[in-house]
């Protein structure tokens, strides 16, 4: 489960359009531009991201890190573990 503090960084990435890389412990990675946060129809916390020219809802369950791909004053890397 993502804490409020961690969720703040997701919101910051969306607000300031900071491109990020999301990584999971199983090696999966999603790279893109965050657009919004929300929940899918299964009540899973998600991040709407622009990935390869398409908007996709990315389920955040099990995400381990979010790394900023552009220098910014808010964060370099956020650990979710």
N, C-alpha and C. Protein backbone atom coordinates (compact mmCIF):
# COMPACT_ATOMS: atom_id res chain seq x y z
N UNK A 1 0.84 -1.18 0.00
CA UNK A 1 0.00 0.00 0.00
C UNK A 1 0.88 1.25 0.00
N UNK A 2 0.47 2.21 -0.77
CA UNK A 2 1.23 3.45 -0.90
C UNK A 2 0.78 4.42 0.20
N UNK A 3 1.76 4.99 0.91
CA UNK A 3 1.45 5.92 1.99
C UNK A 3 1.09 7.29 1.42
N UNK A 4 0.53 8.13 2.26
CA UNK A 4 0.19 9.50 1.86
C UNK A 4 1.44 10.26 1.41
N UNK A 5 2.53 10.08 2.15
CA UNK A 5 3.78 10.74 1.82
C UNK A 5 4.26 10.32 0.43
N UNK A 6 4.20 9.04 0.13
CA UNK A 6 4.62 8.54 -1.18
C UNK A 6 3.67 9.02 -2.28
N UNK A 7 2.39 9.05 -1.95
CA UNK A 7 1.38 9.51 -2.91
C UNK A 7 1.62 10.97 -3.29
N UNK A 8 2.13 11.75 -2.35
CA UNK A 8 2.46 13.14 -2.65
C UNK A 8 3.46 13.23 -3.81
N UNK A 9 4.44 12.34 -3.84
CA UNK A 9 5.42 12.35 -4.92
C UNK A 9 4.80 11.98 -6.26
N UNK A 10 3.83 11.08 -6.24
CA UNK A 10 3.12 10.75 -7.47
C UNK A 10 2.38 11.98 -8.00
N UNK A 11 1.74 12.70 -7.09
CA UNK A 11 1.02 13.93 -7.47
C UNK A 11 1.97 14.99 -7.99
N UNK A 12 3.13 15.13 -7.35
CA UNK A 12 4.13 16.10 -7.80
C UNK A 12 4.59 15.76 -9.22
N UNK A 13 4.84 14.49 -9.48
CA UNK A 13 5.27 14.07 -10.82
C UNK A 13 4.21 14.43 -11.85
N UNK A 14 2.93 14.26 -11.50
CA UNK A 14 1.84 14.62 -12.41
C UNK A 14 1.76 16.13 -12.61
N UNK A 15 1.77 16.86 -11.51
CA UNK A 15 1.61 18.31 -11.55
C UNK A 15 2.71 19.00 -12.37
N UNK A 16 3.94 18.56 -12.16
CA UNK A 16 5.07 19.21 -12.83
C UNK A 16 5.55 18.47 -14.08
N UNK A 17 4.78 17.45 -14.48
CA UNK A 17 5.07 16.69 -15.71
C UNK A 17 6.53 16.21 -15.74
N UNK A 18 6.90 15.54 -14.67
CA UNK A 18 8.26 14.99 -14.57
C UNK A 18 8.24 13.57 -15.11
N UNK A 19 8.96 13.29 -16.20
CA UNK A 19 8.99 11.92 -16.71
C UNK A 19 9.64 11.00 -15.69
N UNK A 20 9.07 9.80 -15.55
CA UNK A 20 9.54 8.88 -14.53
C UNK A 20 9.68 7.46 -15.07
N UNK A 21 10.42 6.69 -14.32
CA UNK A 21 10.52 5.25 -14.52
C UNK A 21 9.98 4.60 -13.26
N UNK A 22 8.98 3.74 -13.41
CA UNK A 22 8.45 2.95 -12.30
C UNK A 22 9.04 1.56 -12.40
N UNK A 23 9.48 1.00 -11.28
CA UNK A 23 10.08 -0.34 -11.29
C UNK A 23 9.45 -1.21 -10.21
N UNK A 24 9.30 -2.47 -10.54
CA UNK A 24 8.78 -3.46 -9.61
C UNK A 24 9.88 -4.47 -9.30
N UNK A 25 9.75 -5.16 -8.20
CA UNK A 25 10.76 -6.12 -7.77
C UNK A 25 10.95 -7.28 -8.72
N UNK A 26 9.96 -7.57 -9.55
CA UNK A 26 10.06 -8.69 -10.50
C UNK A 26 10.77 -8.30 -11.79
N UNK A 27 11.27 -7.05 -11.86
CA UNK A 27 12.01 -6.60 -13.04
C UNK A 27 11.18 -5.79 -14.03
N UNK A 28 9.88 -5.74 -13.82
CA UNK A 28 9.03 -4.96 -14.73
C UNK A 28 9.33 -3.48 -14.55
N UNK A 29 9.26 -2.74 -15.65
CA UNK A 29 9.53 -1.31 -15.63
C UNK A 29 8.60 -0.62 -16.61
N UNK A 30 8.09 0.54 -16.22
CA UNK A 30 7.26 1.37 -17.10
C UNK A 30 7.87 2.76 -17.09
N UNK A 31 8.10 3.29 -18.29
CA UNK A 31 8.70 4.62 -18.44
C UNK A 31 7.70 5.51 -19.17
N UNK A 32 7.48 6.70 -18.62
CA UNK A 32 6.56 7.60 -19.29
C UNK A 32 6.34 8.89 -18.51
N UNK A 33 5.32 9.62 -18.97
CA UNK A 33 4.97 10.91 -18.38
C UNK A 33 3.71 10.75 -17.55
N UNK A 34 3.78 10.96 -16.25
CA UNK A 34 2.59 10.86 -15.40
C UNK A 34 1.59 11.96 -15.72
N UNK A 35 0.31 11.60 -15.71
CA UNK A 35 -0.75 12.57 -16.02
C UNK A 35 -1.72 12.76 -14.85
N UNK A 36 -2.06 11.67 -14.15
CA UNK A 36 -3.06 11.77 -13.10
C UNK A 36 -2.99 10.52 -12.22
N UNK A 37 -3.56 10.61 -11.04
CA UNK A 37 -3.69 9.45 -10.18
C UNK A 37 -5.17 9.11 -10.08
N UNK A 38 -5.45 7.86 -9.74
CA UNK A 38 -6.84 7.46 -9.61
C UNK A 38 -6.94 5.98 -9.28
N UNK A 39 -8.15 5.47 -9.38
CA UNK A 39 -8.43 4.07 -9.09
C UNK A 39 -9.14 3.45 -10.28
N UNK A 40 -8.83 2.19 -10.56
CA UNK A 40 -9.53 1.50 -11.63
C UNK A 40 -10.82 0.90 -11.08
N UNK A 41 -11.57 0.20 -11.93
CA UNK A 41 -12.85 -0.37 -11.50
C UNK A 41 -12.70 -1.47 -10.46
N UNK A 42 -11.48 -1.96 -10.26
CA UNK A 42 -11.21 -2.97 -9.23
C UNK A 42 -10.71 -2.32 -7.94
N UNK A 43 -10.80 -0.99 -7.87
CA UNK A 43 -10.40 -0.21 -6.69
C UNK A 43 -8.89 -0.29 -6.41
N UNK A 44 -8.10 -0.47 -7.48
CA UNK A 44 -6.64 -0.51 -7.35
C UNK A 44 -6.10 0.89 -7.63
N UNK A 45 -5.14 1.31 -6.80
CA UNK A 45 -4.53 2.62 -7.00
C UNK A 45 -3.70 2.58 -8.28
N UNK A 46 -3.88 3.61 -9.13
CA UNK A 46 -3.23 3.63 -10.44
C UNK A 46 -2.63 5.00 -10.73
N UNK A 47 -1.75 5.01 -11.69
CA UNK A 47 -1.17 6.24 -12.21
C UNK A 47 -1.44 6.27 -13.71
N UNK A 48 -2.11 7.31 -14.18
CA UNK A 48 -2.33 7.49 -15.60
C UNK A 48 -1.04 8.03 -16.19
N UNK A 49 -0.48 7.30 -17.16
CA UNK A 49 0.79 7.70 -17.76
C UNK A 49 0.70 7.71 -19.27
N UNK A 50 1.43 8.64 -19.86
CA UNK A 50 1.63 8.67 -21.31
C UNK A 50 2.82 7.76 -21.59
N UNK A 51 2.57 6.63 -22.22
CA UNK A 51 3.62 5.64 -22.50
C UNK A 51 3.58 5.32 -23.99
N UNK A 52 4.68 5.55 -24.67
CA UNK A 52 4.76 5.28 -26.12
C UNK A 52 3.59 5.89 -26.89
N UNK A 53 3.25 7.13 -26.56
CA UNK A 53 2.22 7.84 -27.29
C UNK A 53 0.79 7.49 -26.90
N UNK A 54 0.62 6.63 -25.90
CA UNK A 54 -0.73 6.25 -25.48
C UNK A 54 -0.88 6.46 -23.98
N UNK A 55 -2.08 6.86 -23.56
CA UNK A 55 -2.36 6.97 -22.14
C UNK A 55 -2.76 5.61 -21.60
N UNK A 56 -2.14 5.22 -20.48
CA UNK A 56 -2.42 3.92 -19.87
C UNK A 56 -2.53 4.09 -18.36
N UNK A 57 -3.49 3.40 -17.77
CA UNK A 57 -3.59 3.34 -16.31
C UNK A 57 -2.66 2.25 -15.83
N UNK A 58 -1.67 2.61 -15.03
CA UNK A 58 -0.68 1.68 -14.50
C UNK A 58 -1.04 1.36 -13.05
N UNK A 59 -1.30 0.09 -12.77
CA UNK A 59 -1.61 -0.33 -11.41
C UNK A 59 -0.33 -0.26 -10.59
N UNK A 60 -0.40 0.42 -9.45
CA UNK A 60 0.79 0.67 -8.64
C UNK A 60 1.07 -0.41 -7.60
N UNK A 61 0.22 -1.40 -7.50
CA UNK A 61 0.43 -2.47 -6.53
C UNK A 61 1.80 -3.12 -6.73
N UNK A 62 2.58 -3.16 -5.68
CA UNK A 62 3.89 -3.80 -5.73
C UNK A 62 5.02 -2.96 -6.31
N UNK A 63 4.73 -1.71 -6.71
CA UNK A 63 5.79 -0.88 -7.26
C UNK A 63 6.85 -0.67 -6.17
N UNK A 64 8.11 -0.74 -6.58
CA UNK A 64 9.18 -0.59 -5.58
C UNK A 64 9.87 0.77 -5.65
N UNK A 65 10.02 1.35 -6.85
CA UNK A 65 10.67 2.66 -6.95
C UNK A 65 10.06 3.49 -8.07
N UNK A 66 10.17 4.81 -7.91
CA UNK A 66 9.87 5.76 -8.96
C UNK A 66 11.10 6.65 -9.09
N UNK A 67 11.68 6.69 -10.26
CA UNK A 67 12.88 7.47 -10.51
C UNK A 67 12.57 8.59 -11.50
N UNK A 68 12.94 9.81 -11.15
CA UNK A 68 12.75 10.95 -12.05
C UNK A 68 13.76 10.84 -13.19
N UNK A 69 13.29 11.05 -14.41
CA UNK A 69 14.16 10.99 -15.58
C UNK A 69 14.55 12.38 -16.07
N UNK A 70 14.17 13.38 -15.31
CA UNK A 70 14.50 14.77 -15.61
C UNK A 70 14.85 15.44 -14.29
N UNK A 71 15.90 16.21 -14.30
CA UNK A 71 16.30 16.90 -13.08
C UNK A 71 15.17 17.82 -12.62
N UNK A 72 14.91 17.79 -11.33
CA UNK A 72 13.87 18.63 -10.75
C UNK A 72 14.22 18.88 -9.29
N UNK A 73 13.53 19.80 -8.66
CA UNK A 73 13.86 20.15 -7.28
C UNK A 73 13.06 19.36 -6.24
N UNK A 74 12.24 18.41 -6.69
CA UNK A 74 11.33 17.71 -5.78
C UNK A 74 11.80 16.31 -5.37
N UNK A 75 12.30 15.55 -6.31
CA UNK A 75 12.76 14.20 -5.98
C UNK A 75 13.65 13.65 -7.09
N UNK A 76 14.52 12.73 -6.71
CA UNK A 76 15.32 11.96 -7.67
C UNK A 76 14.76 10.55 -7.77
N UNK A 77 14.52 9.98 -6.57
CA UNK A 77 14.01 8.60 -6.50
C UNK A 77 13.14 8.46 -5.25
N UNK A 78 12.05 7.77 -5.42
CA UNK A 78 11.14 7.50 -4.31
C UNK A 78 11.08 5.98 -4.14
N UNK A 79 11.34 5.51 -2.92
CA UNK A 79 11.25 4.08 -2.61
C UNK A 79 9.89 3.80 -1.99
N UNK A 80 9.20 2.78 -2.50
CA UNK A 80 7.88 2.42 -2.02
C UNK A 80 7.92 1.19 -1.12
N UNK A 81 9.07 0.57 -0.98
CA UNK A 81 9.18 -0.64 -0.13
C UNK A 81 9.17 -0.29 1.33
